[in-house]
Amino acid sequence: MFRKMPLALLAGASFLATGIHQAAALDATLPDPTVIYANQNAQSAAPMRTAYNERSNMGGGFIEFLFGDGQQQGGRYPQQPEYQQQPPMYQQQPSYEPRRALLPQMDPQQAEPQQDAVNDPRQRPFDPKFEKQMVDYDGKEKAGTIIVDTPNKFLFLVEGNGKALRYGIGVGKPGFTWSGVKAVSAKKEWPDWTPPSEMLQRRPDLPRHMAGGPDNPLGARAMYLGSTLYRIHGSNEPWTIGTNVSSGCIRMRNQDVIDLYDRVNVGAKVVVI
């Protein structure tokens, strides 16, 4: 029995030696498993990826199978490590809207009211040339005389000594202007307004009578001109100063007509040109 054991051990050793020799021969014919190149003909090229971290110290093959943990590693080499997908070199750039899209959008329903506000005469700034101011006067009229310059839309109160107070006024519409010499026949504060029949024929929508007050079209003061229907009066529409707007009356801003009213006496001469 003991004679046969050396023979068995000898046979096993021979078998192991043969396996080691074959594994070494096979390993000599394979490329270096540490790095796989994109171009095998240019060994200096940069590596594409690492196949695995390190070689087994057991020699691989049959010897590793015999003395390892007995689990097959999927062939000649150990199981390859998993690779994480590399992020792309260039990230997709965000898309940009055209520059015009960055501009605020106007609501079409708001466009017309805004345009109306621009064209609304009530929003028109008051022209400073129609502010009350002292000017030179070299005419022949005496102090206390009122001169109405219809074409230029100014009213002058002659002060004497070559000076006159000048006010801006609104005058008659085309076809309603007039000229002549009159006198102030009456003065009233916050006068009532009763439209004449001629005006009611043209404007039947007007009230037949309106009490004096801030909403009254005659404004804060009125100076009646002789026996005519014409007056120098105030207005609750100051934006009409400097325009042809009335039916023949001379209208002023309320603050200006109050100033003139306090300076003029009944009987004062009024020259309309």
Protein backbone atom coordinates (compact mmCIF):
# COMPACT_ATOMS: atom_id res chain seq x y z
CA MET A 1 0.00 0.00 0.00
CA PHE A 2 2.80 2.45 0.95
CA ARG A 3 4.64 1.59 -2.29
CA LYS A 4 1.71 2.77 -4.34
CA MET A 5 1.42 6.14 -2.56
CA PRO A 6 4.70 7.58 -3.92
CA LEU A 7 3.53 6.63 -7.38
CA ALA A 8 0.28 8.53 -6.85
CA LEU A 9 2.05 11.56 -5.48
CA LEU A 10 4.50 11.45 -8.37
CA ALA A 11 1.65 11.32 -10.87
CA GLY A 12 -0.10 14.25 -9.16
CA ALA A 13 3.07 16.33 -9.13
CA SER A 14 3.63 15.59 -12.80
CA PHE A 15 0.10 16.66 -13.58
CA LEU A 16 0.57 19.90 -11.64
CA ALA A 17 3.83 20.65 -13.40
CA THR A 18 2.18 20.14 -16.77
CA GLY A 19 -0.64 22.54 -15.83
CA ILE A 20 1.79 25.23 -14.64
CA HIS A 21 3.82 24.91 -17.84
CA GLN A 22 0.73 25.22 -20.04
CA ALA A 23 -0.55 28.23 -18.06
CA ALA A 24 2.81 29.97 -18.37
CA ALA A 25 2.91 29.27 -22.10
CA LEU A 26 -0.61 30.60 -22.55
CA ASP A 27 0.12 33.69 -20.46
CA ALA A 28 3.19 34.48 -22.61
CA THR A 29 1.05 34.66 -25.76
CA LEU A 30 -1.49 37.16 -24.36
CA PRO A 31 -1.09 40.99 -24.36
CA ASP A 32 -0.62 42.81 -21.08
CA PRO A 33 -4.08 42.62 -19.48
CA THR A 34 -3.50 45.73 -17.40
CA VAL A 35 -4.15 48.19 -20.28
CA ILE A 36 -6.05 47.83 -23.53
CA TYR A 37 -5.08 50.39 -26.17
CA ALA A 38 -7.33 51.89 -28.79
CA ASN A 39 -4.60 51.28 -31.38
CA GLN A 40 -2.57 48.13 -30.67
CA ASN A 41 0.04 49.22 -33.25
CA ALA A 42 0.85 52.40 -31.25
CA GLN A 43 1.79 51.38 -27.72
CA SER A 44 2.41 55.03 -26.80
CA ALA A 45 -1.28 55.95 -27.25
CA ALA A 46 -3.29 56.95 -24.18
CA PRO A 47 -5.18 54.05 -22.54
CA MET A 48 -8.87 53.80 -23.22
CA ARG A 49 -9.70 52.08 -19.92
CA THR A 50 -8.19 49.85 -17.22
CA ALA A 51 -9.33 46.25 -17.52
CA TYR A 52 -8.84 45.42 -13.83
CA ASN A 53 -6.85 46.73 -10.91
CA GLU A 54 -4.12 44.06 -10.42
CA ARG A 55 -3.06 40.56 -11.42
CA SER A 56 -3.75 37.64 -9.08
CA ASN A 57 -0.71 36.49 -7.13
CA MET A 58 -1.74 32.82 -7.56
CA GLY A 59 -0.64 32.50 -11.17
CA GLY A 60 -4.17 32.25 -12.51
CA GLY A 61 -5.66 29.36 -14.43
CA PHE A 62 -5.80 25.87 -12.96
CA ILE A 63 -3.58 26.65 -9.89
CA GLU A 64 -5.88 29.50 -8.83
CA PHE A 65 -8.85 27.22 -9.28
CA LEU A 66 -7.28 24.54 -7.06
CA PHE A 67 -6.06 26.78 -4.23
CA GLY A 68 -8.53 29.67 -4.46
CA ASP A 69 -12.06 29.84 -3.06
CA GLY A 70 -13.18 27.37 -5.72
CA GLN A 71 -15.42 29.93 -7.57
CA GLN A 72 -14.96 30.45 -11.29
CA GLN A 73 -14.21 34.07 -12.11
CA GLY A 74 -15.65 33.91 -15.58
CA GLY A 75 -12.63 32.60 -17.52
CA ARG A 76 -8.92 33.38 -17.52
CA TYR A 77 -9.18 36.72 -15.71
CA PRO A 78 -11.00 37.86 -12.57
CA GLN A 79 -14.35 39.59 -12.94
CA GLN A 80 -13.97 43.06 -14.47
CA PRO A 81 -14.86 46.06 -12.29
CA GLU A 82 -17.94 47.99 -13.30
CA TYR A 83 -17.37 51.29 -15.05
CA GLN A 84 -19.40 54.38 -14.35
CA GLN A 85 -20.60 56.17 -17.38
CA GLN A 86 -18.46 59.26 -17.93
CA PRO A 87 -20.25 62.58 -18.29
CA PRO A 88 -20.19 64.07 -21.78
CA MET A 89 -17.36 66.47 -22.50
CA TYR A 90 -19.77 69.26 -23.48
CA GLN A 91 -23.01 69.87 -21.69
CA GLN A 92 -25.97 70.96 -23.70
CA GLN A 93 -26.25 74.72 -23.59
CA PRO A 94 -29.56 76.26 -22.52
CA SER A 95 -31.59 77.72 -25.31
CA TYR A 96 -32.22 81.42 -25.31
CA GLU A 97 -35.32 83.24 -26.44
CA PRO A 98 -34.86 86.04 -28.96
CA ARG A 99 -34.05 89.40 -27.41
CA ARG A 100 -37.45 90.78 -28.29
CA ALA A 101 -39.04 88.19 -26.02
CA LEU A 102 -37.24 89.79 -23.08
CA LEU A 103 -39.03 93.05 -23.69
CA PRO A 104 -42.23 93.68 -21.72
CA GLN A 105 -45.35 92.88 -23.67
CA MET A 106 -48.03 95.52 -23.93
CA ASP A 107 -51.60 94.54 -23.39
CA PRO A 108 -53.41 95.56 -26.60
CA GLN A 109 -56.44 96.51 -24.52
CA GLN A 110 -54.33 99.06 -22.65
CA ALA A 111 -52.70 100.58 -25.71
CA GLU A 112 -55.70 102.63 -26.83
CA PRO A 113 -56.51 104.18 -23.43
CA GLN A 114 -52.86 105.17 -23.06
CA GLN A 115 -52.95 106.79 -26.48
CA ASP A 116 -56.21 108.53 -25.56
CA ALA A 117 -54.55 109.87 -22.42
CA VAL A 118 -51.83 111.43 -24.57
CA ASN A 119 -54.39 113.04 -26.89
CA ASP A 120 -56.78 114.02 -24.10
CA PRO A 121 -56.79 117.86 -24.00
CA ARG A 122 -57.39 117.74 -20.25
CA GLN A 123 -53.89 116.27 -19.86
CA ARG A 124 -52.29 119.03 -21.94
CA PRO A 125 -49.81 121.09 -19.86
CA PHE A 126 -50.67 124.75 -19.49
CA ASP A 127 -48.61 126.90 -21.82
CA PRO A 128 -46.56 129.28 -19.62
CA LYS A 129 -47.00 132.14 -22.08
CA PHE A 130 -50.64 132.32 -20.98
CA GLU A 131 -49.72 132.88 -17.33
CA LYS A 132 -50.57 136.29 -15.91
CA GLN A 133 -47.62 138.64 -16.32
CA MET A 134 -46.72 142.32 -16.51
CA VAL A 135 -45.80 143.49 -20.02
CA ASP A 136 -44.94 146.74 -21.77
CA TYR A 137 -47.78 148.72 -23.32
CA ASP A 138 -47.35 151.74 -25.61
CA GLY A 139 -50.95 152.12 -26.83
CA LYS A 140 -53.32 155.05 -26.39
CA GLU A 141 -55.87 153.48 -24.01
CA LYS A 142 -56.12 154.82 -20.46
CA ALA A 143 -55.47 152.85 -17.31
CA GLY A 144 -58.36 150.58 -16.36
CA THR A 145 -59.21 149.74 -19.99
CA ILE A 146 -59.56 146.09 -21.01
CA ILE A 147 -58.20 145.14 -24.44
CA VAL A 148 -59.09 141.72 -25.87
CA ASP A 149 -56.61 140.55 -28.55
CA THR A 150 -58.72 137.82 -30.16
CA PRO A 151 -56.20 136.53 -32.76
CA ASN A 152 -53.40 136.13 -30.20
CA LYS A 153 -55.74 135.03 -27.36
CA PHE A 154 -54.59 137.58 -24.79
CA LEU A 155 -56.49 140.02 -22.56
CA PHE A 156 -54.68 143.19 -21.39
CA LEU A 157 -55.61 145.41 -18.46
CA VAL A 158 -53.89 148.74 -18.99
CA GLU A 159 -52.06 149.79 -15.83
CA GLY A 160 -50.60 153.11 -17.01
CA ASN A 161 -46.97 154.21 -17.11
CA GLY A 162 -46.37 152.05 -20.19
CA LYS A 163 -47.40 148.78 -18.47
CA ALA A 164 -50.26 146.34 -18.70
CA LEU A 165 -51.26 143.06 -17.09
CA ARG A 166 -51.62 140.31 -19.65
CA TYR A 167 -53.77 137.16 -19.22
CA GLY A 168 -54.33 134.15 -21.45
CA ILE A 169 -57.88 133.63 -22.69
CA GLY A 170 -60.10 131.35 -24.76
CA VAL A 171 -62.12 133.00 -27.53
CA GLY A 172 -64.98 132.25 -29.89
CA LYS A 173 -64.95 129.36 -32.29
CA PRO A 174 -64.71 130.13 -36.01
CA GLY A 175 -67.88 131.97 -36.94
CA PHE A 176 -68.46 133.19 -33.36
CA THR A 177 -65.70 135.75 -32.98
CA TRP A 178 -66.57 139.46 -32.94
CA SER A 179 -65.01 142.87 -32.43
CA GLY A 180 -66.15 146.22 -31.04
CA VAL A 181 -66.13 148.48 -28.03
CA LYS A 182 -68.27 147.66 -25.00
CA ALA A 183 -68.41 148.47 -21.30
CA VAL A 184 -68.65 146.28 -18.21
CA SER A 185 -72.35 146.54 -17.33
CA ALA A 186 -72.43 144.12 -14.37
CA LYS A 187 -70.23 141.88 -12.23
CA LYS A 188 -71.27 138.65 -10.53
CA GLU A 189 -69.53 136.12 -8.32
CA TRP A 190 -70.27 132.44 -9.00
CA PRO A 191 -73.00 133.42 -11.45
CA ASP A 192 -75.93 131.26 -12.50
CA TRP A 193 -76.06 130.24 -16.13
CA THR A 194 -79.14 130.32 -18.34
CA PRO A 195 -78.24 129.36 -21.92
CA PRO A 196 -79.85 131.72 -24.48
CA SER A 197 -82.42 130.34 -26.88
CA GLU A 198 -79.99 130.57 -29.81
CA MET A 199 -77.60 128.27 -27.96
CA LEU A 200 -80.35 125.84 -26.99
CA GLN A 201 -81.32 125.52 -30.65
CA ARG A 202 -77.78 124.45 -31.45
CA ARG A 203 -77.39 122.35 -28.29
CA PRO A 204 -80.75 121.00 -27.13
CA ASP A 205 -78.93 118.72 -24.68
CA LEU A 206 -77.90 121.69 -22.51
CA PRO A 207 -79.70 122.37 -19.24
CA ARG A 208 -82.22 125.21 -19.21
CA HIS A 209 -80.66 126.64 -16.07
CA MET A 210 -77.64 125.87 -13.88
CA ALA A 211 -76.93 127.34 -10.46
CA GLY A 212 -73.56 128.91 -9.83
CA GLY A 213 -70.73 126.80 -8.44
CA PRO A 214 -67.53 124.97 -9.36
CA ASP A 215 -69.29 122.93 -12.07
CA ASN A 216 -70.90 125.94 -13.69
CA PRO A 217 -69.38 126.79 -17.12
CA LEU A 218 -69.26 130.51 -16.21
CA GLY A 219 -66.77 129.71 -13.48
CA ALA A 220 -66.00 131.79 -10.41
CA ARG A 221 -66.69 135.30 -11.78
CA ALA A 222 -68.46 137.01 -14.68
CA MET A 223 -68.30 140.55 -16.13
CA TYR A 224 -71.16 141.28 -18.50
CA LEU A 225 -70.51 143.36 -21.62
CA GLY A 226 -73.20 145.97 -22.22
CA SER A 227 -76.57 144.61 -23.34
CA THR A 228 -75.03 141.71 -25.27
CA LEU A 229 -75.04 138.07 -24.33
CA TYR A 230 -71.23 138.13 -24.17
CA ARG A 231 -69.27 137.99 -20.93
CA ILE A 232 -65.76 137.81 -19.62
CA HIS A 233 -65.99 134.86 -17.27
CA GLY A 234 -64.11 132.06 -15.59
CA SER A 235 -63.99 128.44 -16.67
CA ASN A 236 -63.85 124.97 -15.13
CA GLU A 237 -61.94 123.84 -18.25
CA PRO A 238 -58.53 125.55 -17.98
CA TRP A 239 -57.08 123.40 -20.78
CA THR A 240 -59.21 125.43 -23.26
CA ILE A 241 -57.20 128.60 -22.63
CA GLY A 242 -55.37 129.56 -25.81
CA THR A 243 -57.97 127.97 -28.10
CA ASN A 244 -61.06 128.90 -30.11
CA VAL A 245 -63.68 127.29 -27.94
CA SER A 246 -66.64 129.52 -27.00
CA SER A 247 -69.78 130.91 -28.60
CA GLY A 248 -68.39 134.44 -28.39
CA CYS A 249 -67.65 134.86 -24.67
CA ILE A 250 -64.13 135.56 -23.37
CA ARG A 251 -63.12 132.85 -20.92
CA MET A 252 -60.27 132.83 -18.41
CA ARG A 253 -58.90 130.50 -15.77
CA ASN A 254 -60.78 130.90 -12.50
CA GLN A 255 -57.75 132.29 -10.63
CA ASP A 256 -57.18 134.83 -13.41
CA VAL A 257 -60.78 136.00 -13.67
CA ILE A 258 -60.91 136.49 -9.89
CA ASP A 259 -57.77 138.65 -10.12
CA LEU A 260 -59.20 140.69 -13.00
CA TYR A 261 -62.61 141.00 -11.31
CA ASP A 262 -61.04 142.66 -8.26
CA ARG A 263 -59.19 145.19 -10.45
CA VAL A 264 -62.03 146.23 -12.77
CA ASN A 265 -64.98 148.51 -11.97
CA VAL A 266 -68.44 148.49 -13.54
CA GLY A 267 -68.36 150.87 -16.49
CA ALA A 268 -64.83 149.97 -17.51
CA LYS A 269 -64.11 150.21 -21.22
CA VAL A 270 -63.63 146.95 -23.13
CA VAL A 271 -62.03 146.98 -26.57
CA VAL A 272 -62.33 143.71 -28.54
CA ILE A 273 -60.14 143.43 -31.63
